[in-house]
Amino acid sequence: MPQRKKSPLAMPKLGEWAFLIGVLLAVVFGLFSPLQLGLDTNTVLAVLVLLGIVVGLLNVTVKETTGFLLATLTLIVSGAVGFSVLPYVGRQVSDILAYIAFLVAPAAVIVALKTVFALAKDA
Protein backbone atom coordinates (compact mmCIF):
# COMPACT_ATOMS: atom_id res chain seq x y z
CA MET A 1 0.00 0.00 0.00
CA PRO A 2 1.46 3.41 -0.96
CA GLN A 3 2.68 5.73 1.76
CA ARG A 4 0.66 8.88 2.31
CA LYS A 5 2.48 12.16 1.93
CA LYS A 6 2.70 13.96 5.25
CA SER A 7 0.57 17.04 5.60
CA PRO A 8 2.43 20.34 5.59
CA LEU A 9 0.36 21.30 8.61
CA ALA A 10 1.78 18.38 10.62
CA MET A 11 -1.73 17.02 11.16
CA PRO A 12 -1.92 13.98 8.87
CA LYS A 13 -4.94 12.48 10.61
CA LEU A 14 -7.01 15.67 10.70
CA GLY A 15 -8.36 15.18 7.16
CA GLU A 16 -9.25 11.57 7.88
CA TRP A 17 -11.05 12.52 11.09
CA ALA A 18 -12.86 15.37 9.33
CA PHE A 19 -14.16 12.98 6.69
CA LEU A 20 -15.24 10.35 9.23
CA ILE A 21 -16.96 12.90 11.45
CA GLY A 22 -18.64 14.47 8.41
CA VAL A 23 -20.03 11.16 7.19
CA LEU A 24 -21.27 10.25 10.67
CA LEU A 25 -22.96 13.66 11.00
CA ALA A 26 -24.53 13.25 7.54
CA VAL A 27 -25.99 9.89 8.55
CA VAL A 28 -27.26 11.16 11.91
CA PHE A 29 -28.83 14.28 10.36
CA GLY A 30 -30.24 12.21 7.52
CA LEU A 31 -31.98 9.94 9.99
CA PHE A 32 -33.00 12.67 12.43
CA SER A 33 -33.62 16.21 11.24
CA PRO A 34 -31.34 18.80 12.86
CA LEU A 35 -34.52 20.55 14.01
CA GLN A 36 -35.61 17.38 15.82
CA LEU A 37 -32.25 17.44 17.59
CA GLY A 38 -32.64 21.12 18.51
CA LEU A 39 -30.03 22.34 16.02
CA ASP A 40 -30.12 25.03 13.37
CA THR A 41 -30.00 23.53 9.85
CA ASN A 42 -27.77 26.33 8.52
CA THR A 43 -25.24 25.70 11.28
CA VAL A 44 -25.22 21.97 10.50
CA LEU A 45 -24.65 22.69 6.79
CA ALA A 46 -21.86 25.16 7.63
CA VAL A 47 -20.12 22.53 9.78
CA LEU A 48 -20.33 19.98 6.95
CA VAL A 49 -18.94 22.51 4.46
CA LEU A 50 -16.05 23.38 6.80
CA LEU A 51 -15.27 19.70 7.31
CA GLY A 52 -15.35 19.26 3.53
CA ILE A 53 -12.85 22.08 3.11
CA VAL A 54 -10.52 20.39 5.60
CA VAL A 55 -10.90 17.10 3.70
CA GLY A 56 -10.14 18.78 0.38
CA LEU A 57 -7.06 20.51 1.74
CA LEU A 58 -5.56 17.67 3.75
CA ASN A 59 -6.95 14.32 2.74
CA VAL A 60 -6.65 13.81 -1.02
CA THR A 61 -3.28 13.07 -2.62
CA VAL A 62 -2.43 13.66 -6.27
CA LYS A 63 -2.80 9.94 -7.03
CA GLU A 64 -6.27 9.89 -5.47
CA THR A 65 -7.60 12.95 -7.33
CA THR A 66 -9.36 11.21 -10.22
CA GLY A 67 -10.98 8.58 -8.02
CA PHE A 68 -12.04 11.15 -5.44
CA LEU A 69 -13.60 13.46 -8.02
CA LEU A 70 -15.40 10.57 -9.70
CA ALA A 71 -16.71 9.28 -6.36
CA THR A 72 -17.85 12.79 -5.41
CA LEU A 73 -19.67 13.20 -8.70
CA THR A 74 -21.34 9.82 -8.23
CA LEU A 75 -22.51 10.68 -4.70
CA ILE A 76 -23.92 14.04 -5.76
CA VAL A 77 -25.72 12.63 -8.80
CA SER A 78 -27.07 9.73 -6.74
CA GLY A 79 -28.59 12.21 -4.31
CA ALA A 80 -30.46 13.87 -7.18
CA VAL A 81 -32.10 10.61 -8.31
CA GLY A 82 -35.11 11.02 -6.03
CA PHE A 83 -34.81 8.22 -3.50
CA SER A 84 -37.42 10.03 -1.42
CA VAL A 85 -40.18 8.22 -3.34
CA LEU A 86 -39.10 4.87 -1.89
CA PRO A 87 -41.47 3.68 0.83
CA TYR A 88 -40.30 3.66 4.47
CA VAL A 89 -36.64 4.66 3.99
CA GLY A 90 -36.66 6.93 0.95
CA ARG A 91 -36.65 10.23 2.78
CA GLN A 92 -33.81 9.14 5.06
CA VAL A 93 -31.67 7.85 2.16
CA SER A 94 -32.30 11.04 0.22
CA ASP A 95 -31.46 13.23 3.22
CA ILE A 96 -28.27 11.29 4.01
CA LEU A 97 -27.07 11.70 0.42
CA ALA A 98 -27.92 15.42 0.52
CA TYR A 99 -25.88 15.93 3.69
CA ILE A 100 -23.00 13.89 2.25
CA ALA A 101 -23.12 16.18 -0.80
CA PHE A 102 -22.65 19.18 1.51
CA LEU A 103 -19.55 17.44 2.88
CA VAL A 104 -17.92 16.27 -0.35
CA ALA A 105 -18.80 19.13 -2.73
CA PRO A 106 -16.46 21.69 -1.10
CA ALA A 107 -13.74 19.04 -0.92
CA ALA A 108 -14.23 18.33 -4.62
CA VAL A 109 -13.98 22.03 -5.49
CA ILE A 110 -10.70 22.34 -3.60
CA VAL A 111 -9.26 19.15 -5.12
CA ALA A 112 -10.33 20.28 -8.60
CA LEU A 113 -8.74 23.71 -8.08
CA LYS A 114 -5.52 22.13 -6.81
CA THR A 115 -5.50 19.89 -9.90
CA VAL A 116 -6.11 22.78 -12.30
CA PHE A 117 -3.36 24.77 -10.59
CA ALA A 118 -0.94 21.84 -10.85
CA LEU A 119 -1.81 21.33 -14.53
CA ALA A 120 -1.35 25.04 -15.28
CA LYS A 121 1.97 25.07 -13.45
CA ASP A 122 3.22 22.11 -15.50
CA ALA A 123 2.16 23.67 -18.83
C-alpha atoms as a PDB file:
ATOM      1  CA  MET A   1       0.000   0.000   0.000  1.00  0.00           C
ATOM      2  CA  PRO A   2       1.462   3.406  -0.958  1.00  0.00           C
ATOM      3  CA  GLN A   3       2.684   5.725   1.755  1.00  0.00           C
ATOM      4  CA  ARG A   4       0.661   8.882   2.308  1.00  0.00           C
ATOM      5  CA  LYS A   5       2.476  12.155   1.925  1.00  0.00           C
ATOM      6  CA  LYS A   6       2.696  13.957   5.251  1.00  0.00           C
ATOM      7  CA  SER A   7       0.567  17.040   5.597  1.00  0.00           C
ATOM      8  CA  PRO A   8       2.426  20.338   5.587  1.00  0.00           C
ATOM      9  CA  LEU A   9       0.359  21.305   8.611  1.00  0.00           C
ATOM     10  CA  ALA A  10       1.781  18.379  10.624  1.00  0.00           C
ATOM     11  CA  MET A  11      -1.731  17.016  11.164  1.00  0.00           C
ATOM     12  CA  PRO A  12      -1.923  13.984   8.869  1.00  0.00           C
ATOM     13  CA  LYS A  13      -4.938  12.484  10.610  1.00  0.00           C
ATOM     14  CA  LEU A  14      -7.013  15.667  10.697  1.00  0.00           C
ATOM     15  CA  GLY A  15      -8.356  15.185   7.159  1.00  0.00           C
ATOM     16  CA  GLU A  16      -9.253  11.568   7.881  1.00  0.00           C
ATOM     17  CA  TRP A  17     -11.053  12.523  11.092  1.00  0.00           C
ATOM     18  CA  ALA A  18     -12.856  15.375   9.334  1.00  0.00           C
ATOM     19  CA  PHE A  19     -14.163  12.975   6.690  1.00  0.00           C
ATOM     20  CA  LEU A  20     -15.236  10.346   9.229  1.00  0.00           C
ATOM     21  CA  ILE A  21     -16.961  12.902  11.447  1.00  0.00           C
ATOM     22  CA  GLY A  22     -18.645  14.472   8.409  1.00  0.00           C
ATOM     23  CA  VAL A  23     -20.031  11.160   7.185  1.00  0.00           C
ATOM     24  CA  LEU A  24     -21.271  10.255  10.671  1.00  0.00           C
ATOM     25  CA  LEU A  25     -22.963  13.657  11.003  1.00  0.00           C
ATOM     26  CA  ALA A  26     -24.531  13.247   7.544  1.00  0.00           C
ATOM     27  CA  VAL A  27     -25.985   9.889   8.553  1.00  0.00           C
ATOM     28  CA  VAL A  28     -27.260  11.162  11.905  1.00  0.00           C
ATOM     29  CA  PHE A  29     -28.826  14.280  10.361  1.00  0.00           C
ATOM     30  CA  GLY A  30     -30.242  12.210   7.516  1.00  0.00           C
ATOM     31  CA  LEU A  31     -31.980   9.937   9.986  1.00  0.00           C
ATOM     32  CA  PHE A  32     -33.002  12.671  12.431  1.00  0.00           C
ATOM     33  CA  SER A  33     -33.619  16.209  11.240  1.00  0.00           C
ATOM     34  CA  PRO A  34     -31.344  18.797  12.860  1.00  0.00           C
ATOM     35  CA  LEU A  35     -34.515  20.547  14.006  1.00  0.00           C
ATOM     36  CA  GLN A  36     -35.613  17.376  15.823  1.00  0.00           C
ATOM     37  CA  LEU A  37     -32.252  17.437  17.594  1.00  0.00           C
ATOM     38  CA  GLY A  38     -32.639  21.116  18.510  1.00  0.00           C
ATOM     39  CA  LEU A  39     -30.026  22.338  16.019  1.00  0.00           C
ATOM     40  CA  ASP A  40     -30.118  25.028  13.370  1.00  0.00           C
ATOM     41  CA  THR A  41     -29.997  23.529   9.853  1.00  0.00           C
ATOM     42  CA  ASN A  42     -27.774  26.333   8.517  1.00  0.00           C
ATOM     43  CA  THR A  43     -25.236  25.704  11.275  1.00  0.00           C
ATOM     44  CA  VAL A  44     -25.217  21.974  10.496  1.00  0.00           C
ATOM     45  CA  LEU A  45     -24.650  22.689   6.795  1.00  0.00           C
ATOM     46  CA  ALA A  46     -21.861  25.161   7.628  1.00  0.00           C
ATOM     47  CA  VAL A  47     -20.121  22.534   9.776  1.00  0.00           C
ATOM     48  CA  LEU A  48     -20.333  19.981   6.950  1.00  0.00           C
ATOM     49  CA  VAL A  49     -18.938  22.511   4.457  1.00  0.00           C
ATOM     50  CA  LEU A  50     -16.052  23.381   6.799  1.00  0.00           C
ATOM     51  CA  LEU A  51     -15.272  19.700   7.311  1.00  0.00           C
ATOM     52  CA  GLY A  52     -15.353  19.264   3.525  1.00  0.00           C
ATOM     53  CA  ILE A  53     -12.850  22.084   3.112  1.00  0.00           C
ATOM     54  CA  VAL A  54     -10.519  20.388   5.596  1.00  0.00           C
ATOM     55  CA  VAL A  55     -10.902  17.096   3.697  1.00  0.00           C
ATOM     56  CA  GLY A  56     -10.142  18.782   0.381  1.00  0.00           C
ATOM     57  CA  LEU A  57      -7.060  20.509   1.739  1.00  0.00           C
ATOM     58  CA  LEU A  58      -5.557  17.669   3.755  1.00  0.00           C
ATOM     59  CA  ASN A  59      -6.953  14.316   2.736  1.00  0.00           C
ATOM     60  CA  VAL A  60      -6.646  13.805  -1.019  1.00  0.00           C
ATOM     61  CA  THR A  61      -3.284  13.073  -2.616  1.00  0.00           C
ATOM     62  CA  VAL A  62      -2.431  13.662  -6.269  1.00  0.00           C
ATOM     63  CA  LYS A  63      -2.801   9.945  -7.027  1.00  0.00           C
ATOM     64  CA  GLU A  64      -6.272   9.893  -5.471  1.00  0.00           C
ATOM     65  CA  THR A  65      -7.600  12.951  -7.332  1.00  0.00           C
ATOM     66  CA  THR A  66      -9.358  11.209 -10.215  1.00  0.00           C
ATOM     67  CA  GLY A  67     -10.979   8.577  -8.021  1.00  0.00           C
ATOM     68  CA  PHE A  68     -12.035  11.151  -5.440  1.00  0.00           C
ATOM     69  CA  LEU A  69     -13.600  13.464  -8.018  1.00  0.00           C
ATOM     70  CA  LEU A  70     -15.405  10.565  -9.698  1.00  0.00           C
ATOM     71  CA  ALA A  71     -16.715   9.280  -6.361  1.00  0.00           C
ATOM     72  CA  THR A  72     -17.855  12.788  -5.414  1.00  0.00           C
ATOM     73  CA  LEU A  73     -19.675  13.201  -8.696  1.00  0.00           C
ATOM     74  CA  THR A  74     -21.343   9.815  -8.225  1.00  0.00           C
ATOM     75  CA  LEU A  75     -22.507  10.684  -4.701  1.00  0.00           C
ATOM     76  CA  ILE A  76     -23.918  14.041  -5.759  1.00  0.00           C
ATOM     77  CA  VAL A  77     -25.718  12.626  -8.804  1.00  0.00           C
ATOM     78  CA  SER A  78     -27.069   9.726  -6.737  1.00  0.00           C
ATOM     79  CA  GLY A  79     -28.586  12.208  -4.315  1.00  0.00           C
ATOM     80  CA  ALA A  80     -30.456  13.868  -7.175  1.00  0.00           C
ATOM     81  CA  VAL A  81     -32.102  10.615  -8.309  1.00  0.00           C
ATOM     82  CA  GLY A  82     -35.109  11.017  -6.032  1.00  0.00           C
ATOM     83  CA  PHE A  83     -34.812   8.217  -3.505  1.00  0.00           C
ATOM     84  CA  SER A  84     -37.417  10.026  -1.415  1.00  0.00           C
ATOM     85  CA  VAL A  85     -40.183   8.216  -3.337  1.00  0.00           C
ATOM     86  CA  LEU A  86     -39.103   4.869  -1.892  1.00  0.00           C
ATOM     87  CA  PRO A  87     -41.468   3.684   0.833  1.00  0.00           C
ATOM     88  CA  TYR A  88     -40.303   3.661   4.473  1.00  0.00           C
ATOM     89  CA  VAL A  89     -36.636   4.659   3.990  1.00  0.00           C
ATOM     90  CA  GLY A  90     -36.658   6.926   0.948  1.00  0.00           C
ATOM     91  CA  ARG A  91     -36.653  10.226   2.781  1.00  0.00           C
ATOM     92  CA  GLN A  92     -33.807   9.144   5.056  1.00  0.00           C
ATOM     93  CA  VAL A  93     -31.671   7.847   2.164  1.00  0.00           C
ATOM     94  CA  SER A  94     -32.302  11.038   0.220  1.00  0.00           C
ATOM     95  CA  ASP A  95     -31.460  13.230   3.222  1.00  0.00           C
ATOM     96  CA  ILE A  96     -28.270  11.288   4.013  1.00  0.00           C
ATOM     97  CA  LEU A  97     -27.073  11.702   0.424  1.00  0.00           C
ATOM     98  CA  ALA A  98     -27.915  15.419   0.519  1.00  0.00           C
ATOM     99  CA  TYR A  99     -25.885  15.925   3.694  1.00  0.00           C
ATOM    100  CA  ILE A 100     -23.003  13.894   2.249  1.00  0.00           C
ATOM    101  CA  ALA A 101     -23.120  16.181  -0.804  1.00  0.00           C
ATOM    102  CA  PHE A 102     -22.650  19.179   1.508  1.00  0.00           C
ATOM    103  CA  LEU A 103     -19.554  17.440   2.875  1.00  0.00           C
ATOM    104  CA  VAL A 104     -17.920  16.272  -0.349  1.00  0.00           C
ATOM    105  CA  ALA A 105     -18.800  19.128  -2.733  1.00  0.00           C
ATOM    106  CA  PRO A 106     -16.459  21.686  -1.100  1.00  0.00           C
ATOM    107  CA  ALA A 107     -13.739  19.037  -0.920  1.00  0.00           C
ATOM    108  CA  ALA A 108     -14.226  18.331  -4.625  1.00  0.00           C
ATOM    109  CA  VAL A 109     -13.979  22.033  -5.493  1.00  0.00           C
ATOM    110  CA  ILE A 110     -10.697  22.336  -3.597  1.00  0.00           C
ATOM    111  CA  VAL A 111      -9.263  19.149  -5.116  1.00  0.00           C
ATOM    112  CA  ALA A 112     -10.328  20.275  -8.597  1.00  0.00           C
ATOM    113  CA  LEU A 113      -8.741  23.712  -8.077  1.00  0.00           C
ATOM    114  CA  LYS A 114      -5.516  22.131  -6.811  1.00  0.00           C
ATOM    115  CA  THR A 115      -5.504  19.889  -9.897  1.00  0.00           C
ATOM    116  CA  VAL A 116      -6.108  22.777 -12.297  1.00  0.00           C
ATOM    117  CA  PHE A 117      -3.364  24.768 -10.592  1.00  0.00           C
ATOM    118  CA  ALA A 118      -0.938  21.836 -10.849  1.00  0.00           C
ATOM    119  CA  LEU A 119      -1.808  21.335 -14.530  1.00  0.00           C
ATOM    120  CA  ALA A 120      -1.349  25.041 -15.279  1.00  0.00           C
ATOM    121  CA  LYS A 121       1.969  25.072 -13.449  1.00  0.00           C
ATOM    122  CA  ASP A 122       3.221  22.110 -15.495  1.00  0.00           C
ATOM    123  CA  ALA A 123       2.161  23.674 -18.827  1.00  0.00           C
END
